[in-house]
Amino acid sequence: LEARDQEVSHLHEEVRHERAFSQKNVDRARLELQEQSAQTAAIQGEADALRRALEQTKDERRGFEESAAKAARAEVEDAEARFQEDRSAAATQAEEVLRAALEAAGKESEDLTRCFESKLAGLRKSHNAASEELRVQLEAQRAAEESAACAAKAARAELEDAEARFEEGRSAAAAQAEEVLRAALEEADDMKRCFESKIAGLRKSHSADTQRLQASEQQLAAAERRLADEAQAAEAVVAQCDVDRQRLEQLLAAAERKLADDAQAAETVVAQRQVDKQRLQASEQLLAAAERTLADEAQAAEAVVAQCDVDRQRLEQLLAAAERKLADDAQAAETVVAQRQVDKQRLQALEQRLAAAERRLADEAQSAETVVAAPSPPLASAKVLRIETSAIGVEAVEDADTRGEMDSGTRLAAVLLAAGARQVFRVGRFCIEGAAEPVPVVVGVSLQNDGAAPWPETACVVHHSGDNLGLALLMLAPARPGEAVALRMDLTVPPRSAGGPSAWVLRDAATHAPMGPALVFETMPRE
């Protein structure tokens, strides 16, 4: 009964330990599920942000394309309009200025030429007439008064002829030559009066004729000087016309340069438009690359979300399995407690029967009957024969010399032996070399049924202590007495593991009765 109580207490401790471990696993799975959910939400938020950024980029692209197209179209239209207006205005202005200058220069030149020619002709005629008259007067002085009268008549005729020619020249002269013509008329009147006075003086004295001849010569010299001044003025007008023509040519050249500058500016605007188009194409290419990148990132995010969903489902399955195991362990613990209550009731009944038997023995001392207890049924048993196989990842190094049965003096072996194990066997010791991912380890163990009864269908390998390395429970194949079976343990060593032993025990899951051996797997960081 004490051994039974110890076993029951030990079972209670194992149940509490397994319940605590299962609760830790459940809490860990819940934390992992929460972390996966948070990561999924973060990835979903990043995907939403990427989608919003993509939509915003598309909107910005459309706005940029529309604004750039409108701005470029407006600039080109404005430049073309300005170019056409400036060109038309410059051409019109240049043509008007040139036409006005040419007309003014032509008119002025024609007027001056006509005026100069008329004056020159009149003065030449006057000079010739005066000279001829003087010669006639000199001859008339020698001849007689009749010849003087004939000379006077000829002079009057010549004067009348000069007046007629002068009137014709004045009608043909321009407004600018009115003052000169007026002066010429006054001079003609003076000459007429002078000639009349001379004719009258010829009748009086020869000395008066000489004075009049001198006065005529002086007037002729003055007329020649005036003629020279007028010729110089005409030359100045011609020079001014040349200056005006040069100025007009400069204006025309400036207008042509301005037209060339406007054409160059228009070409620059067209070139800038081409550059803007190229920039717009480059922007479209960059935007397409950004869209492809965003699409790839969105696809990757969706893949991550899908993987997170798969991981969440796997964690939910693990959590459900852990909860089912916890419920099974709780149910098993309740079964053990109920079994203990039944055992206590049986013990009390046995004590009562024992007291009755003792009374019967005292009453029937003479019969000396012996009460023999009925033999108990044989229990399932197993032992480890050898390690069949050991497949490990490249990150793990095994110390093969440590395989085999452990010394009972070690603390872990003592604990396992106290828990009912009859054999503590180390299946392997491994050194992990800083793996960043979980390291898979496969251990094959050969077990033999060394008992008198076949193994029950509920025979299993149950995790006892340490990290379960992904193996919490493994059912055994049925085996008859003396028969050997192969056990395959698929373990997974987590990355950056702190190391330490992990233990499993063989027992009947229905009765929690130990079947003998305990299996130990050790991991340790590389020194």
Protein backbone atom coordinates (compact mmCIF):
# COMPACT_ATOMS: atom_id res chain seq x y z
CA LEU A 1 0.00 0.00 0.00
CA GLU A 2 2.85 2.40 0.76
CA ALA A 3 4.43 1.56 -2.58
CA ARG A 4 1.05 2.12 -4.16
CA ASP A 5 0.72 5.47 -2.40
CA GLN A 6 4.24 6.42 -3.49
CA GLU A 7 3.41 5.41 -7.04
CA VAL A 8 0.15 7.37 -6.88
CA SER A 9 1.96 10.43 -5.48
CA HIS A 10 4.62 10.02 -8.12
CA LEU A 11 1.89 9.80 -10.74
CA HIS A 12 0.32 12.93 -9.29
CA GLU A 13 3.69 14.69 -9.54
CA GLU A 14 4.09 13.50 -13.11
CA VAL A 15 0.55 14.62 -13.89
CA ARG A 16 1.23 18.04 -12.37
CA HIS A 17 4.53 18.23 -14.18
CA GLU A 18 2.96 17.19 -17.49
CA ARG A 19 0.03 19.53 -16.89
CA ALA A 20 2.43 22.43 -16.16
CA PHE A 21 4.52 21.51 -19.20
CA SER A 22 1.40 21.19 -21.35
CA GLN A 23 0.18 24.51 -19.98
CA LYS A 24 3.56 26.03 -20.88
CA ASN A 25 3.29 24.55 -24.34
CA VAL A 26 -0.24 25.90 -24.66
CA ASP A 27 0.88 29.35 -23.45
CA ARG A 28 3.85 29.24 -25.79
CA ALA A 29 1.61 28.19 -28.67
CA ARG A 30 -0.81 30.99 -27.81
CA LEU A 31 2.05 33.49 -27.68
CA GLU A 32 3.34 32.21 -31.00
CA LEU A 33 -0.16 32.42 -32.40
CA GLN A 34 -0.49 35.99 -31.09
CA GLU A 35 2.91 36.87 -32.55
CA GLN A 36 1.93 35.30 -35.85
CA SER A 37 -1.37 37.22 -35.75
CA ALA A 38 0.51 40.46 -34.96
CA GLN A 39 2.97 39.74 -37.79
CA THR A 40 0.09 38.93 -40.10
CA ALA A 41 -1.65 42.18 -39.12
CA ALA A 42 1.62 44.09 -39.62
CA ILE A 43 2.16 42.47 -43.01
CA GLN A 44 -1.46 43.19 -43.92
CA GLY A 45 -0.94 46.82 -42.83
CA GLU A 46 2.22 47.01 -44.93
CA ALA A 47 0.35 45.52 -47.88
CA ASP A 48 -2.46 48.07 -47.40
CA ALA A 49 0.13 50.87 -47.13
CA LEU A 50 1.79 49.60 -50.32
CA ARG A 51 -1.59 49.51 -52.07
CA ARG A 52 -2.35 53.05 -50.90
CA ALA A 53 1.11 54.18 -51.97
CA LEU A 54 0.52 52.55 -55.36
CA GLU A 55 -2.84 54.31 -55.75
CA GLN A 56 -1.29 57.59 -54.65
CA THR A 57 1.59 57.10 -57.10
CA LYS A 58 -0.89 56.38 -59.88
CA ASP A 59 -2.87 59.53 -58.99
CA GLU A 60 0.33 61.59 -58.85
CA ARG A 61 1.38 60.12 -62.18
CA ARG A 62 -1.94 61.00 -63.80
CA GLY A 63 -1.82 64.51 -62.31
CA PHE A 64 1.79 64.96 -63.39
CA GLU A 65 1.04 63.74 -66.91
CA GLU A 66 -1.98 66.02 -67.23
CA SER A 67 -0.22 69.06 -65.77
CA ALA A 68 2.94 68.43 -67.81
CA ALA A 69 0.94 67.94 -70.99
CA LYS A 70 -1.16 71.06 -70.33
CA ALA A 71 1.91 73.13 -69.41
CA ALA A 72 3.86 71.91 -72.43
CA ARG A 73 0.89 72.47 -74.75
CA ALA A 74 0.28 75.94 -73.31
CA GLU A 75 3.97 76.86 -73.55
CA VAL A 76 4.22 75.65 -77.14
CA GLU A 77 1.02 77.43 -78.15
CA ASP A 78 2.09 80.60 -76.34
CA ALA A 79 5.54 80.47 -77.89
CA GLU A 80 4.09 79.87 -81.36
CA ALA A 81 1.61 82.71 -80.89
CA ARG A 82 4.31 85.05 -79.60
CA PHE A 83 6.60 84.01 -82.42
CA GLN A 84 3.94 84.61 -85.05
CA GLU A 85 2.90 87.94 -83.49
CA ASP A 86 6.48 89.14 -83.09
CA ARG A 87 7.34 87.99 -86.54
CA SER A 88 4.30 89.63 -88.12
CA ALA A 89 4.75 92.82 -86.09
CA ALA A 90 8.45 93.03 -86.83
CA ALA A 91 7.92 92.33 -90.52
CA THR A 92 5.09 94.85 -90.72
CA GLN A 93 7.02 97.45 -88.76
CA ALA A 94 10.16 96.92 -90.82
CA GLU A 95 8.20 97.07 -94.07
CA GLU A 96 6.37 100.23 -92.96
CA VAL A 97 9.54 101.91 -91.73
CA LEU A 98 11.44 100.91 -94.84
CA ARG A 99 8.60 101.94 -97.14
CA ALA A 100 8.15 105.28 -95.35
CA ALA A 101 11.87 105.94 -95.30
CA LEU A 102 12.26 105.05 -98.95
CA GLU A 103 9.26 107.15 -99.93
CA ALA A 104 10.44 110.08 -97.84
CA ALA A 105 13.98 109.75 -99.13
CA GLY A 106 12.73 109.43 -102.73
CA LYS A 107 10.42 112.40 -102.39
CA GLU A 108 13.03 114.50 -100.67
CA SER A 109 15.67 113.50 -103.16
CA GLU A 110 13.36 114.21 -106.09
CA ASP A 111 12.29 117.55 -104.64
CA LEU A 112 15.84 118.59 -103.92
CA THR A 113 17.01 117.43 -107.32
CA ARG A 114 14.22 119.27 -109.11
CA CYS A 115 14.79 122.38 -106.99
CA PHE A 116 18.53 122.28 -107.51
CA GLU A 117 18.22 121.68 -111.24
CA SER A 118 15.66 124.43 -111.62
CA LYS A 119 17.70 126.92 -109.63
CA LEU A 120 20.88 125.96 -111.39
CA ALA A 121 19.22 126.28 -114.78
CA GLY A 122 17.68 129.61 -113.86
CA LEU A 123 20.94 130.96 -112.49
CA ARG A 124 22.86 129.74 -115.51
CA LYS A 125 20.35 131.30 -117.78
CA SER A 126 20.43 134.48 -115.73
CA HIS A 127 24.22 134.46 -115.73
CA ASN A 128 24.37 133.87 -119.47
CA ALA A 129 21.74 136.47 -120.07
CA ALA A 130 23.51 138.96 -117.82
CA SER A 131 26.84 138.33 -119.52
CA GLU A 132 25.31 138.62 -122.92
CA GLU A 133 23.52 141.74 -121.83
CA LEU A 134 26.71 143.28 -120.50
CA ARG A 135 28.46 142.51 -123.76
CA VAL A 136 25.55 143.99 -125.68
CA GLN A 137 25.62 147.00 -123.38
CA LEU A 138 29.34 147.45 -123.97
CA GLU A 139 28.77 147.20 -127.70
CA ALA A 140 25.80 149.49 -127.37
CA GLN A 141 27.92 152.06 -125.61
CA ARG A 142 30.16 152.13 -128.63
CA ALA A 143 27.37 152.00 -131.15
CA ALA A 144 24.68 154.42 -130.11
CA GLU A 145 21.50 155.01 -128.30
CA GLU A 146 19.62 152.88 -130.84
CA SER A 147 21.78 149.95 -130.21
CA ALA A 148 21.32 150.67 -126.51
CA ALA A 149 17.56 150.70 -127.06
CA CYS A 150 17.76 147.43 -128.97
CA ALA A 151 19.85 146.02 -126.17
CA ALA A 152 17.30 147.21 -123.66
CA LYS A 153 14.53 145.56 -125.65
CA ALA A 154 16.54 142.34 -125.83
CA ALA A 155 17.22 142.57 -122.10
CA ARG A 156 13.51 143.06 -121.43
CA ALA A 157 12.70 140.06 -123.60
CA GLU A 158 15.30 138.03 -121.84
CA LEU A 159 13.99 139.18 -118.49
CA GLU A 160 10.48 138.25 -119.47
CA ASP A 161 11.73 134.90 -120.70
CA ALA A 162 13.64 134.41 -117.40
CA GLU A 163 10.55 135.36 -115.42
CA ALA A 164 8.47 132.81 -117.38
CA ARG A 165 11.08 130.09 -116.83
CA PHE A 166 11.35 131.09 -113.17
CA GLU A 167 7.57 130.79 -112.77
CA GLU A 168 7.66 127.36 -114.37
CA GLY A 169 10.49 126.30 -112.03
CA ARG A 170 8.69 127.67 -108.97
CA SER A 171 5.49 125.75 -109.79
CA ALA A 172 7.55 122.53 -110.07
CA ALA A 173 9.53 123.10 -106.81
CA ALA A 174 8.40 121.50 -103.47
CA ALA A 175 7.36 123.22 -100.30
CA GLN A 176 10.89 123.02 -98.94
CA ALA A 177 12.21 125.24 -101.83
CA GLU A 178 9.60 128.02 -101.47
CA GLU A 179 11.94 130.28 -99.53
CA VAL A 180 14.74 129.71 -102.05
CA LEU A 181 12.37 130.39 -104.96
CA ARG A 182 11.04 133.46 -103.20
CA ALA A 183 14.58 134.69 -102.79
CA ALA A 184 15.23 133.96 -106.48
CA LEU A 185 12.11 135.97 -107.48
CA GLU A 186 13.25 138.85 -105.31
CA GLU A 187 16.65 138.63 -106.92
CA ALA A 188 15.03 138.55 -110.37
CA ASP A 189 12.97 141.65 -109.48
CA ASP A 190 16.10 143.32 -108.17
CA MET A 191 17.91 142.35 -111.34
CA LYS A 192 15.01 143.68 -113.41
CA ARG A 193 15.03 146.93 -111.54
CA CYS A 194 18.78 146.98 -111.73
CA PHE A 195 18.66 146.30 -115.46
CA GLU A 196 16.06 149.04 -115.93
CA SER A 197 18.17 151.40 -113.87
CA LYS A 198 21.16 150.36 -115.90
CA ILE A 199 19.29 150.99 -119.14
CA ALA A 200 18.27 154.38 -117.78
CA GLY A 201 21.80 155.02 -116.57
CA LEU A 202 23.32 154.03 -119.96
CA ARG A 203 21.51 156.95 -121.36
CA LYS A 204 23.01 159.20 -118.75
CA SER A 205 26.63 158.18 -118.48
CA HIS A 206 29.14 155.57 -119.26
CA SER A 207 30.42 155.61 -115.69
CA ALA A 208 27.02 154.58 -114.40
CA ASP A 209 27.14 151.62 -116.84
CA THR A 210 30.50 150.67 -115.46
CA GLN A 211 29.16 150.75 -111.91
CA ARG A 212 26.16 148.75 -112.91
CA LEU A 213 28.47 146.20 -114.59
CA GLN A 214 30.47 145.92 -111.38
CA ALA A 215 27.29 145.58 -109.37
CA SER A 216 26.12 142.89 -111.78
CA GLU A 217 29.42 141.07 -111.40
CA GLN A 218 29.08 141.28 -107.63
CA GLN A 219 25.55 139.97 -107.84
CA LEU A 220 26.74 137.19 -110.15
CA ALA A 221 29.43 136.25 -107.62
CA ALA A 222 26.84 136.32 -104.85
CA ALA A 223 24.58 134.16 -106.98
CA GLU A 224 27.45 131.74 -107.59
CA ARG A 225 28.14 131.63 -103.88
CA ARG A 226 24.45 130.97 -103.18
CA LEU A 227 24.52 128.29 -105.83
CA ALA A 228 27.55 126.71 -104.15
CA ASP A 229 25.79 126.88 -100.75
CA GLU A 230 22.67 125.31 -102.20
CA ALA A 231 24.79 122.58 -103.85
CA GLN A 232 26.46 121.98 -100.47
CA ALA A 233 23.03 121.85 -98.80
CA ALA A 234 21.88 119.37 -101.45
CA GLU A 235 24.96 117.26 -100.79
CA ALA A 236 24.17 117.42 -97.04
CA VAL A 237 20.61 116.29 -97.80
CA VAL A 238 21.98 113.44 -99.91
CA ALA A 239 24.37 112.52 -97.05
CA GLN A 240 21.41 112.64 -94.62
CA CYS A 241 19.54 110.35 -97.00
CA ASP A 242 22.50 107.99 -96.93
CA VAL A 243 22.51 108.13 -93.11
CA ASP A 244 18.75 107.45 -93.07
CA ARG A 245 19.23 104.56 -95.47
CA GLN A 246 21.99 103.12 -93.25
CA ARG A 247 19.74 103.55 -90.20
CA LEU A 248 16.93 101.79 -92.04
CA GLU A 249 19.31 99.00 -93.02
CA GLN A 250 20.35 98.71 -89.34
CA LEU A 251 16.68 98.59 -88.29
CA LEU A 252 16.02 95.94 -90.91
CA ALA A 253 19.05 93.96 -89.73
CA ALA A 254 17.86 94.29 -86.11
CA ALA A 255 14.40 93.12 -87.15
CA GLU A 256 15.96 90.15 -88.96
CA ARG A 257 18.07 89.35 -85.87
CA LYS A 258 14.98 89.59 -83.70
CA LEU A 259 13.16 87.24 -86.05
CA ALA A 260 16.12 84.85 -85.90
CA ASP A 261 16.15 85.08 -82.09
CA ASP A 262 12.42 84.39 -81.99
CA ALA A 263 12.90 81.41 -84.29
CA GLN A 264 15.75 80.16 -82.08
CA ALA A 265 13.56 80.67 -79.00
CA ALA A 266 10.80 78.70 -80.69
CA GLU A 267 13.30 75.94 -81.53
CA THR A 268 14.45 76.04 -77.89
CA VAL A 269 10.83 75.67 -76.75
CA VAL A 270 10.39 72.73 -79.13
CA ALA A 271 13.63 71.17 -77.85
CA GLN A 272 12.49 71.75 -74.24
CA ARG A 273 9.21 70.09 -75.14
CA GLN A 274 11.14 67.09 -76.49
CA VAL A 275 13.19 67.02 -73.26
CA ASP A 276 9.95 67.20 -71.24
CA LYS A 277 8.56 64.33 -73.30
CA GLN A 278 11.72 62.31 -72.63
CA ARG A 279 11.50 63.14 -68.93
CA LEU A 280 7.84 62.16 -68.98
CA GLN A 281 8.73 58.86 -70.65
CA ALA A 282 11.49 58.30 -68.07
CA SER A 283 8.98 59.09 -65.30
CA GLU A 284 6.54 56.63 -66.86
CA GLN A 285 9.27 53.97 -66.95
CA LEU A 286 10.18 54.67 -63.32
CA LEU A 287 6.51 54.58 -62.40
CA ALA A 288 6.07 51.27 -64.25
CA ALA A 289 9.13 49.87 -62.44
CA ALA A 290 7.70 51.14 -59.13
CA GLU A 291 4.36 49.51 -59.98
CA ARG A 292 6.11 46.24 -60.82
CA THR A 293 8.09 46.47 -57.57
CA LEU A 294 4.93 47.23 -55.62
CA ALA A 295 3.16 44.34 -57.35
CA ASP A 296 6.07 42.02 -56.48
CA GLU A 297 6.07 43.28 -52.91
CA ALA A 298 2.29 42.90 -52.72
CA GLN A 299 2.60 39.36 -54.09
CA ALA A 300 5.38 38.63 -51.58
CA ALA A 301 3.23 40.14 -48.82
CA GLU A 302 0.31 37.98 -49.91
CA ALA A 303 2.62 34.95 -49.89
CA VAL A 304 3.79 35.91 -46.40
CA VAL A 305 0.16 36.37 -45.33
CA ALA A 306 -0.68 32.96 -46.78
CA GLN A 307 2.33 31.45 -44.99
CA CYS A 308 1.22 33.19 -41.80
CA ASP A 309 -2.23 31.72 -42.29
CA VAL A 310 -0.69 28.28 -42.74
CA ASP A 311 1.48 28.82 -39.64
CA ARG A 312 -1.54 30.05 -37.72
CA GLN A 313 -3.51 27.00 -38.75
CA ARG A 314 -0.59 24.77 -37.77
CA LEU A 315 -0.31 26.55 -34.42
CA GLU A 316 -4.05 26.24 -33.93
CA GLN A 317 -3.76 22.55 -34.65
CA LEU A 318 -0.83 22.26 -32.23
CA LEU A 319 -2.80 24.25 -29.65
CA ALA A 320 -5.82 22.01 -30.15
CA ALA A 321 -3.59 18.92 -29.83
CA ALA A 322 -1.99 20.37 -26.70
CA GLU A 323 -5.40 21.16 -25.26
CA ARG A 324 -6.60 17.65 -26.12
CA LYS A 325 -3.46 16.22 -24.50
CA LEU A 326 -4.02 18.43 -21.48
CA ALA A 327 -7.63 17.24 -21.31
CA ASP A 328 -6.46 13.64 -21.71
CA ASP A 329 -3.83 14.14 -18.99
CA ALA A 330 -6.43 15.75 -16.73
CA GLN A 331 -8.81 12.90 -17.43
CA ALA A 332 -6.02 10.41 -16.76
CA ALA A 333 -5.20 12.22 -13.51
CA GLU A 334 -8.84 12.12 -12.52
CA THR A 335 -8.88 8.42 -13.39
CA VAL A 336 -5.80 7.92 -11.19
CA VAL A 337 -7.45 9.82 -8.34
CA ALA A 338 -10.63 7.79 -8.75
CA GLN A 339 -8.52 4.63 -8.88
CA ARG A 340 -6.81 5.72 -5.67
CA GLN A 341 -10.18 6.22 -3.99
CA VAL A 342 -11.20 2.76 -5.16
CA ASP A 343 -7.89 1.39 -3.87
CA LYS A 344 -8.51 3.05 -0.50
CA GLN A 345 -11.98 1.54 -0.35
CA ARG A 346 -10.55 -1.84 -1.29
CA LEU A 347 -7.85 -1.41 1.36
CA GLN A 348 -10.46 -0.66 4.01
CA ALA A 349 -12.46 -3.68 2.88
CA LEU A 350 -9.30 -5.77 3.04
CA GLU A 351 -8.54 -4.49 6.53
CA GLN A 352 -12.04 -5.40 7.62
CA ARG A 353 -11.68 -8.80 6.05
CA LEU A 354 -8.26 -9.16 7.63
CA ALA A 355 -9.71 -8.40 11.06
CA ALA A 356 -12.48 -10.89 10.45
CA ALA A 357 -9.92 -13.41 9.26
CA GLU A 358 -7.81 -12.79 12.32
CA ARG A 359 -10.86 -13.38 14.49
CA ARG A 360 -11.65 -16.51 12.55
CA LEU A 361 -8.03 -17.60 12.93
CA ALA A 362 -8.24 -17.06 16.67
CA ASP A 363 -11.49 -18.99 16.81
CA GLU A 364 -10.22 -21.69 14.46
CA ALA A 365 -6.65 -21.94 15.76
CA GLN A 366 -6.92 -25.64 15.71
CA SER A 367 -7.69 -25.76 11.97
CA ALA A 368 -4.53 -23.63 11.18
CA GLU A 369 -5.83 -22.65 7.81
CA THR A 370 -3.60 -20.40 5.69
CA VAL A 371 -4.98 -17.69 3.54
CA VAL A 372 -2.97 -17.39 0.33
CA ALA A 373 -3.42 -14.40 -1.88
CA ALA A 374 -4.20 -15.00 -5.49
CA PRO A 375 -1.26 -14.35 -7.89
CA SER A 376 -1.33 -11.04 -9.76
CA PRO A 377 -1.39 -11.04 -13.56
CA PRO A 378 1.94 -10.60 -15.31
CA LEU A 379 2.91 -6.95 -16.23
CA ALA A 380 4.16 -5.68 -19.61
CA SER A 381 7.94 -5.13 -19.69
CA ALA A 382 10.59 -3.95 -22.17
CA LYS A 383 14.32 -3.32 -22.40
CA VAL A 384 16.69 -1.50 -24.76
CA LEU A 385 18.83 -3.70 -26.92
CA ARG A 386 20.81 -1.18 -28.99
CA ILE A 387 20.74 2.05 -31.05
CA GLU A 388 19.80 1.12 -34.59
CA THR A 389 20.27 4.38 -36.52
CA SER A 390 21.14 8.03 -35.87
CA ALA A 391 20.58 10.61 -38.64
CA ILE A 392 21.49 14.21 -37.76
CA GLY A 393 21.65 17.59 -39.48
CA VAL A 394 24.92 19.12 -40.62
CA GLU A 395 24.84 21.62 -37.73
CA ALA A 396 25.02 18.86 -35.05
CA VAL A 397 28.01 16.73 -34.00
CA GLU A 398 27.40 13.50 -32.01
CA ASP A 399 29.56 12.14 -29.23
CA ALA A 400 29.05 8.43 -30.06
CA ASP A 401 30.97 7.19 -27.04
CA THR A 402 28.23 8.36 -24.69
CA ARG A 403 25.59 5.95 -26.02
CA GLY A 404 24.46 3.20 -23.68
CA GLU A 405 23.07 2.58 -20.23
CA MET A 406 23.62 5.41 -17.77
CA ASP A 407 25.12 5.10 -14.30
CA SER A 408 22.46 4.93 -11.63
CA GLY A 409 24.47 7.39 -9.54
CA THR A 410 23.63 10.33 -11.78
CA ARG A 411 20.86 12.60 -10.60
CA LEU A 412 18.68 12.17 -13.71
CA ALA A 413 19.08 8.35 -13.63
CA ALA A 414 18.17 8.33 -9.93
CA VAL A 415 15.05 10.41 -10.63
CA LEU A 416 14.01 8.12 -13.47
CA LEU A 417 14.66 4.99 -11.46
CA ALA A 418 12.63 6.43 -8.61
CA ALA A 419 9.79 7.07 -11.08
CA GLY A 420 9.62 3.32 -11.80
CA ALA A 421 12.14 2.90 -14.61
CA ARG A 422 14.28 -0.24 -14.45
CA GLN A 423 16.75 0.85 -17.14
CA VAL A 424 18.05 4.36 -18.04
CA PHE A 425 19.56 4.41 -21.51
CA ARG A 426 21.27 7.43 -23.20
CA VAL A 427 20.37 7.36 -26.90
CA GLY A 428 22.77 10.17 -27.87
CA ARG A 429 24.62 13.35 -26.93
CA PHE A 430 24.98 16.11 -29.56
CA CYS A 431 26.85 19.43 -29.84
CA ILE A 432 25.00 22.17 -31.76
CA GLU A 433 27.22 24.61 -33.70
CA GLY A 434 25.22 27.90 -33.64
CA ALA A 435 22.43 26.92 -36.01
CA ALA A 436 20.07 29.67 -37.16
CA GLU A 437 17.31 27.17 -38.03
CA PRO A 438 15.93 24.10 -36.16
CA VAL A 439 18.23 21.06 -36.46
CA PRO A 440 16.52 17.71 -37.25
CA VAL A 441 17.76 14.55 -35.45
CA VAL A 442 16.42 11.03 -36.07
CA VAL A 443 17.21 8.33 -33.48
CA GLY A 444 16.42 4.63 -34.01
CA VAL A 445 16.16 2.41 -30.92
CA SER A 446 15.71 -1.38 -30.85
CA LEU A 447 13.36 -2.54 -28.01
CA GLN A 448 12.60 -6.08 -26.86
CA ASN A 449 9.60 -7.44 -24.94
CA ASP A 450 11.37 -9.14 -22.02
CA GLY A 451 8.19 -9.81 -20.05
CA ALA A 452 5.79 -12.73 -19.86
CA ALA A 453 2.83 -10.86 -21.37
CA PRO A 454 2.42 -9.15 -24.76
CA TRP A 455 2.52 -5.38 -24.90
CA PRO A 456 -0.89 -3.74 -24.69
CA GLU A 457 -2.18 -1.54 -27.49
CA THR A 458 -1.80 1.48 -25.16
CA ALA A 459 1.98 0.98 -24.78
CA CYS A 460 3.73 4.24 -25.59
CA VAL A 461 6.79 6.45 -25.14
CA VAL A 462 5.85 9.54 -23.05
CA HIS A 463 7.92 12.66 -22.51
CA HIS A 464 9.05 12.90 -18.88
CA SER A 465 11.31 15.93 -18.40
CA GLY A 466 13.34 18.56 -20.26
CA ASP A 467 12.48 19.89 -23.74
CA ASN A 468 10.29 17.40 -25.62
CA LEU A 469 12.09 18.40 -28.91
CA GLY A 470 8.84 18.00 -30.82
CA LEU A 471 8.11 14.49 -29.47
CA ALA A 472 5.59 14.44 -26.61
CA LEU A 473 4.02 11.03 -27.22
CA LEU A 474 4.86 8.07 -29.48
CA MET A 475 2.80 4.88 -29.60
CA LEU A 476 4.60 1.49 -29.67
CA ALA A 477 3.85 -1.36 -32.04
CA PRO A 478 2.45 -4.53 -30.37
CA ALA A 479 5.08 -7.11 -29.46
CA ARG A 480 4.84 -10.67 -28.10
CA PRO A 481 7.18 -11.89 -25.35
CA GLY A 482 10.76 -12.08 -26.66
CA GLU A 483 9.93 -10.12 -29.82
CA ALA A 484 12.00 -7.00 -30.75
CA VAL A 485 10.61 -3.84 -32.40
CA ALA A 486 12.27 -0.77 -33.91
CA LEU A 487 11.44 2.62 -32.42
CA ARG A 488 11.98 5.78 -34.53
CA MET A 489 12.27 9.10 -32.66
CA ASP A 490 12.01 12.22 -34.90
CA LEU A 491 13.45 15.08 -32.85
CA THR A 492 13.89 18.77 -33.68
CA VAL A 493 16.49 20.80 -31.75
CA PRO A 494 15.50 24.49 -31.66
CA PRO A 495 18.07 27.12 -32.73
CA ARG A 496 20.18 28.77 -30.02
CA SER A 497 19.22 25.99 -27.61
CA ALA A 498 20.69 26.28 -24.12
CA GLY A 499 21.26 22.50 -24.05
CA GLY A 500 20.39 19.92 -21.42
CA PRO A 501 18.89 16.42 -21.14
CA SER A 502 15.44 15.38 -22.37
CA ALA A 503 13.89 12.15 -21.00
CA TRP A 504 11.12 9.83 -22.18
CA VAL A 505 9.72 6.78 -20.38
CA LEU A 506 7.89 3.65 -21.65
CA ARG A 507 4.56 3.05 -19.94
CA ASP A 508 1.03 1.81 -20.42
CA ALA A 509 -1.12 4.85 -21.20
CA ALA A 510 -4.21 3.12 -19.83
CA THR A 511 -2.80 2.23 -16.39
CA HIS A 512 0.25 4.56 -16.36
CA ALA A 513 2.27 1.51 -15.31
CA PRO A 514 5.96 1.81 -16.22
CA MET A 515 7.32 -0.75 -18.66
CA GLY A 516 10.98 -0.56 -17.66
CA PRO A 517 13.33 1.56 -19.76
CA ALA A 518 13.79 5.36 -19.84
CA LEU A 519 15.40 7.07 -22.88
CA VAL A 520 17.64 10.16 -22.46
CA PHE A 521 18.73 12.55 -25.27
CA GLU A 522 21.23 15.32 -24.44
CA THR A 523 22.14 18.51 -26.31
CA MET A 524 24.96 20.87 -25.37
CA PRO A 525 26.40 24.03 -26.94
CA ARG A 526 29.79 23.67 -28.59
CA GLU A 527 32.66 24.96 -26.46
